[in-house]
Amino acid sequence: MDGGADYMDTDSLKATELTLGLPGGRPQVVGWPPIRSYRKNTLKATKAAAEAGGLFVKVSMDGAPYLRKIDLAAYKGYEELRKALEDMFKCFEGGKGSEYAITYEDKDGDLMLVGDVPWGMFTSYCKKLRIITKRI
């Protein structure tokens, strides 16, 4: 039985050892799986479009089971924003507009009433919009 241990030397075990990596040496793998060039270009274009001027914020309404997302840069003022929210949620129709108030969450997390500050300041501070029912 001593002769059987000769074929189990460490050199032959190294040659058959399983390793992770590419064959033929130890090249460093930076990103896996590799990203194709068209996907890289798409990601760059998406990032550039986002940096170009989209001010997207989420909009929620009390009682609505869904959220919406709008681009504040698409509107020129509070009147256009209110009209867009009316069309989206259908909450201000039929004289019900007085029952709802449009509020926003600023970057500090405070809930503020829409229209209290100038439009430019509002677009820079607004993180979320929320349509709430007024409590009398």
C-alpha atoms as a PDB file:
ATOM      1  CA  MET A   1       0.000   0.000   0.000  1.00  0.00           C
ATOM      2  CA  ASP A   2       2.974   2.333   0.328  1.00  0.00           C
ATOM      3  CA  GLY A   3       3.327   2.524  -3.451  1.00  0.00           C
ATOM      4  CA  GLY A   4      -0.172   3.970  -3.810  1.00  0.00           C
ATOM      5  CA  ALA A   5       0.771   7.214  -1.999  1.00  0.00           C
ATOM      6  CA  ASP A   6       3.416   8.127  -4.636  1.00  0.00           C
ATOM      7  CA  TYR A   7       0.919   9.295  -7.232  1.00  0.00           C
ATOM      8  CA  MET A   8      -0.697  11.759  -4.748  1.00  0.00           C
ATOM      9  CA  ASP A   9       2.139  14.313  -4.689  1.00  0.00           C
ATOM     10  CA  THR A  10       1.279  18.018  -4.299  1.00  0.00           C
ATOM     11  CA  ASP A  11       2.346  19.018  -7.831  1.00  0.00           C
ATOM     12  CA  SER A  12      -0.255  16.808  -9.458  1.00  0.00           C
ATOM     13  CA  LEU A  13      -2.928  18.087  -7.082  1.00  0.00           C
ATOM     14  CA  LYS A  14      -2.124  21.723  -7.986  1.00  0.00           C
ATOM     15  CA  ALA A  15      -2.527  20.915 -11.679  1.00  0.00           C
ATOM     16  CA  THR A  16      -6.055  19.575 -11.147  1.00  0.00           C
ATOM     17  CA  GLU A  17      -7.183  22.130  -8.567  1.00  0.00           C
ATOM     18  CA  LEU A  18     -10.444  23.928  -9.387  1.00  0.00           C
ATOM     19  CA  THR A  19     -10.257  27.716  -9.285  1.00  0.00           C
ATOM     20  CA  LEU A  20     -12.535  30.595 -10.180  1.00  0.00           C
ATOM     21  CA  GLY A  21     -11.344  32.884 -12.911  1.00  0.00           C
ATOM     22  CA  LEU A  22     -10.447  32.946 -16.537  1.00  0.00           C
ATOM     23  CA  PRO A  23      -8.256  30.178 -17.941  1.00  0.00           C
ATOM     24  CA  GLY A  24      -4.608  30.775 -18.629  1.00  0.00           C
ATOM     25  CA  GLY A  25      -3.222  32.547 -15.631  1.00  0.00           C
ATOM     26  CA  ARG A  26      -4.643  34.924 -13.070  1.00  0.00           C
ATOM     27  CA  PRO A  27      -6.036  38.049 -15.000  1.00  0.00           C
ATOM     28  CA  GLN A  28      -7.848  40.478 -12.735  1.00  0.00           C
ATOM     29  CA  VAL A  29     -11.594  40.578 -13.388  1.00  0.00           C
ATOM     30  CA  VAL A  30     -12.914  44.097 -12.765  1.00  0.00           C
ATOM     31  CA  GLY A  31     -16.599  43.875 -13.571  1.00  0.00           C
ATOM     32  CA  TRP A  32     -18.549  40.709 -14.051  1.00  0.00           C
ATOM     33  CA  PRO A  33     -20.643  40.122 -16.057  1.00  0.00           C
ATOM     34  CA  PRO A  34     -19.178  42.447 -18.650  1.00  0.00           C
ATOM     35  CA  ILE A  35     -21.414  45.300 -19.805  1.00  0.00           C
ATOM     36  CA  ARG A  36     -21.812  45.676 -23.529  1.00  0.00           C
ATOM     37  CA  SER A  37     -21.028  49.018 -25.119  1.00  0.00           C
ATOM     38  CA  TYR A  38     -24.638  49.776 -26.124  1.00  0.00           C
ATOM     39  CA  ARG A  39     -25.733  49.352 -22.501  1.00  0.00           C
ATOM     40  CA  LYS A  40     -22.947  51.659 -21.329  1.00  0.00           C
ATOM     41  CA  ASN A  41     -24.068  54.263 -23.862  1.00  0.00           C
ATOM     42  CA  THR A  42     -27.687  53.914 -22.734  1.00  0.00           C
ATOM     43  CA  LEU A  43     -26.716  54.410 -19.112  1.00  0.00           C
ATOM     44  CA  LYS A  44     -24.685  57.504 -19.996  1.00  0.00           C
ATOM     45  CA  ALA A  45     -27.586  58.960 -22.003  1.00  0.00           C
ATOM     46  CA  THR A  46     -30.039  58.322 -19.172  1.00  0.00           C
ATOM     47  CA  LYS A  47     -27.736  59.937 -16.655  1.00  0.00           C
ATOM     48  CA  ALA A  48     -27.185  62.943 -18.920  1.00  0.00           C
ATOM     49  CA  ALA A  49     -30.935  63.379 -19.412  1.00  0.00           C
ATOM     50  CA  ALA A  50     -31.516  63.261 -15.671  1.00  0.00           C
ATOM     51  CA  GLU A  51     -28.834  65.865 -15.077  1.00  0.00           C
ATOM     52  CA  ALA A  52     -30.151  68.037 -17.912  1.00  0.00           C
ATOM     53  CA  GLY A  53     -33.099  69.330 -15.973  1.00  0.00           C
ATOM     54  CA  GLY A  54     -35.659  66.834 -14.769  1.00  0.00           C
ATOM     55  CA  LEU A  55     -37.084  67.744 -11.376  1.00  0.00           C
ATOM     56  CA  PHE A  56     -39.094  64.588 -10.775  1.00  0.00           C
ATOM     57  CA  VAL A  57     -41.075  64.322  -7.543  1.00  0.00           C
ATOM     58  CA  LYS A  58     -43.596  61.784  -6.286  1.00  0.00           C
ATOM     59  CA  VAL A  59     -47.210  62.831  -5.819  1.00  0.00           C
ATOM     60  CA  SER A  60     -49.559  61.097  -3.406  1.00  0.00           C
ATOM     61  CA  MET A  61     -53.143  61.788  -2.407  1.00  0.00           C
ATOM     62  CA  ASP A  62     -54.946  60.852   0.777  1.00  0.00           C
ATOM     63  CA  GLY A  63     -57.145  57.867   0.003  1.00  0.00           C
ATOM     64  CA  ALA A  64     -55.587  57.078  -3.377  1.00  0.00           C
ATOM     65  CA  PRO A  65     -53.980  53.628  -3.555  1.00  0.00           C
ATOM     66  CA  TYR A  66     -51.276  54.714  -6.015  1.00  0.00           C
ATOM     67  CA  LEU A  67     -48.515  57.280  -6.436  1.00  0.00           C
ATOM     68  CA  ARG A  68     -47.640  59.346  -9.468  1.00  0.00           C
ATOM     69  CA  LYS A  69     -44.433  61.037 -10.500  1.00  0.00           C
ATOM     70  CA  ILE A  70     -44.260  64.417 -12.207  1.00  0.00           C
ATOM     71  CA  ASP A  71     -41.535  66.661 -13.566  1.00  0.00           C
ATOM     72  CA  LEU A  72     -41.687  70.109 -11.947  1.00  0.00           C
ATOM     73  CA  ALA A  73     -39.484  71.518 -14.709  1.00  0.00           C
ATOM     74  CA  ALA A  74     -42.362  70.979 -17.153  1.00  0.00           C
ATOM     75  CA  TYR A  75     -44.502  73.611 -15.410  1.00  0.00           C
ATOM     76  CA  LYS A  76     -44.077  77.376 -15.333  1.00  0.00           C
ATOM     77  CA  GLY A  77     -46.010  78.097 -12.168  1.00  0.00           C
ATOM     78  CA  TYR A  78     -48.496  77.026  -9.549  1.00  0.00           C
ATOM     79  CA  GLU A  79     -51.534  77.341 -11.843  1.00  0.00           C
ATOM     80  CA  GLU A  80     -50.145  74.841 -14.360  1.00  0.00           C
ATOM     81  CA  LEU A  81     -49.144  72.472 -11.561  1.00  0.00           C
ATOM     82  CA  ARG A  82     -52.609  72.616  -9.987  1.00  0.00           C
ATOM     83  CA  LYS A  83     -54.256  71.977 -13.378  1.00  0.00           C
ATOM     84  CA  ALA A  84     -52.021  68.952 -13.976  1.00  0.00           C
ATOM     85  CA  LEU A  85     -52.847  67.553 -10.526  1.00  0.00           C
ATOM     86  CA  GLU A  86     -56.564  68.087 -11.211  1.00  0.00           C
ATOM     87  CA  ASP A  87     -56.258  66.077 -14.412  1.00  0.00           C
ATOM     88  CA  MET A  88     -54.254  63.343 -12.707  1.00  0.00           C
ATOM     89  CA  PHE A  89     -56.350  62.728  -9.632  1.00  0.00           C
ATOM     90  CA  LYS A  90     -59.772  64.199 -10.571  1.00  0.00           C
ATOM     91  CA  CYS A  91     -60.075  65.453  -6.991  1.00  0.00           C
ATOM     92  CA  PHE A  92     -60.818  69.122  -7.560  1.00  0.00           C
ATOM     93  CA  GLU A  93     -63.784  68.667  -9.897  1.00  0.00           C
ATOM     94  CA  GLY A  94     -67.361  69.436  -8.989  1.00  0.00           C
ATOM     95  CA  GLY A  95     -66.562  72.053  -6.369  1.00  0.00           C
ATOM     96  CA  LYS A  96     -64.548  69.668  -4.243  1.00  0.00           C
ATOM     97  CA  GLY A  97     -61.392  71.731  -4.629  1.00  0.00           C
ATOM     98  CA  SER A  98     -61.956  73.437  -1.316  1.00  0.00           C
ATOM     99  CA  GLU A  99     -61.822  70.075   0.463  1.00  0.00           C
ATOM    100  CA  TYR A 100     -58.233  69.404  -0.584  1.00  0.00           C
ATOM    101  CA  ALA A 101     -54.937  71.179  -0.043  1.00  0.00           C
ATOM    102  CA  ILE A 102     -51.724  70.626  -1.987  1.00  0.00           C
ATOM    103  CA  THR A 103     -48.705  70.343   0.269  1.00  0.00           C
ATOM    104  CA  TYR A 104     -45.076  69.486  -0.285  1.00  0.00           C
ATOM    105  CA  GLU A 105     -42.279  67.962   1.724  1.00  0.00           C
ATOM    106  CA  ASP A 106     -39.172  70.109   1.698  1.00  0.00           C
ATOM    107  CA  LYS A 107     -35.590  68.922   1.996  1.00  0.00           C
ATOM    108  CA  ASP A 108     -35.790  69.138   5.806  1.00  0.00           C
ATOM    109  CA  GLY A 109     -38.811  66.814   5.867  1.00  0.00           C
ATOM    110  CA  ASP A 110     -41.319  69.526   6.866  1.00  0.00           C
ATOM    111  CA  LEU A 111     -44.800  69.560   5.322  1.00  0.00           C
ATOM    112  CA  MET A 112     -45.466  72.969   3.758  1.00  0.00           C
ATOM    113  CA  LEU A 113     -48.403  74.471   1.874  1.00  0.00           C
ATOM    114  CA  VAL A 114     -47.882  74.853  -1.882  1.00  0.00           C
ATOM    115  CA  GLY A 115     -47.937  78.492  -2.975  1.00  0.00           C
ATOM    116  CA  ASP A 116     -46.383  80.053   0.116  1.00  0.00           C
ATOM    117  CA  VAL A 117     -42.987  80.642  -1.475  1.00  0.00           C
ATOM    118  CA  PRO A 118     -41.949  81.836  -4.960  1.00  0.00           C
ATOM    119  CA  TRP A 119     -42.013  79.206  -7.719  1.00  0.00           C
ATOM    120  CA  GLY A 120     -38.224  79.002  -8.147  1.00  0.00           C
ATOM    121  CA  MET A 121     -37.693  78.425  -4.449  1.00  0.00           C
ATOM    122  CA  PHE A 122     -40.472  75.827  -4.412  1.00  0.00           C
ATOM    123  CA  THR A 123     -38.927  73.795  -7.233  1.00  0.00           C
ATOM    124  CA  SER A 124     -35.561  73.746  -5.500  1.00  0.00           C
ATOM    125  CA  TYR A 125     -36.982  72.731  -2.095  1.00  0.00           C
ATOM    126  CA  CYS A 126     -39.746  70.297  -3.089  1.00  0.00           C
ATOM    127  CA  LYS A 127     -38.985  66.604  -2.604  1.00  0.00           C
ATOM    128  CA  LYS A 128     -42.548  65.164  -2.559  1.00  0.00           C
ATOM    129  CA  LEU A 129     -46.035  66.463  -3.247  1.00  0.00           C
ATOM    130  CA  ARG A 130     -49.023  65.381  -1.214  1.00  0.00           C
ATOM    131  CA  ILE A 131     -52.693  66.205  -1.678  1.00  0.00           C
ATOM    132  CA  ILE A 132     -54.370  66.086   1.717  1.00  0.00           C
ATOM    133  CA  THR A 133     -57.937  66.522   2.888  1.00  0.00           C
ATOM    134  CA  LYS A 134     -58.558  69.672   4.877  1.00  0.00           C
ATOM    135  CA  ARG A 135     -59.716  69.160   8.422  1.00  0.00           C
ATOM    136  CA  ILE A 136     -62.216  71.748   9.587  1.00  0.00           C
END
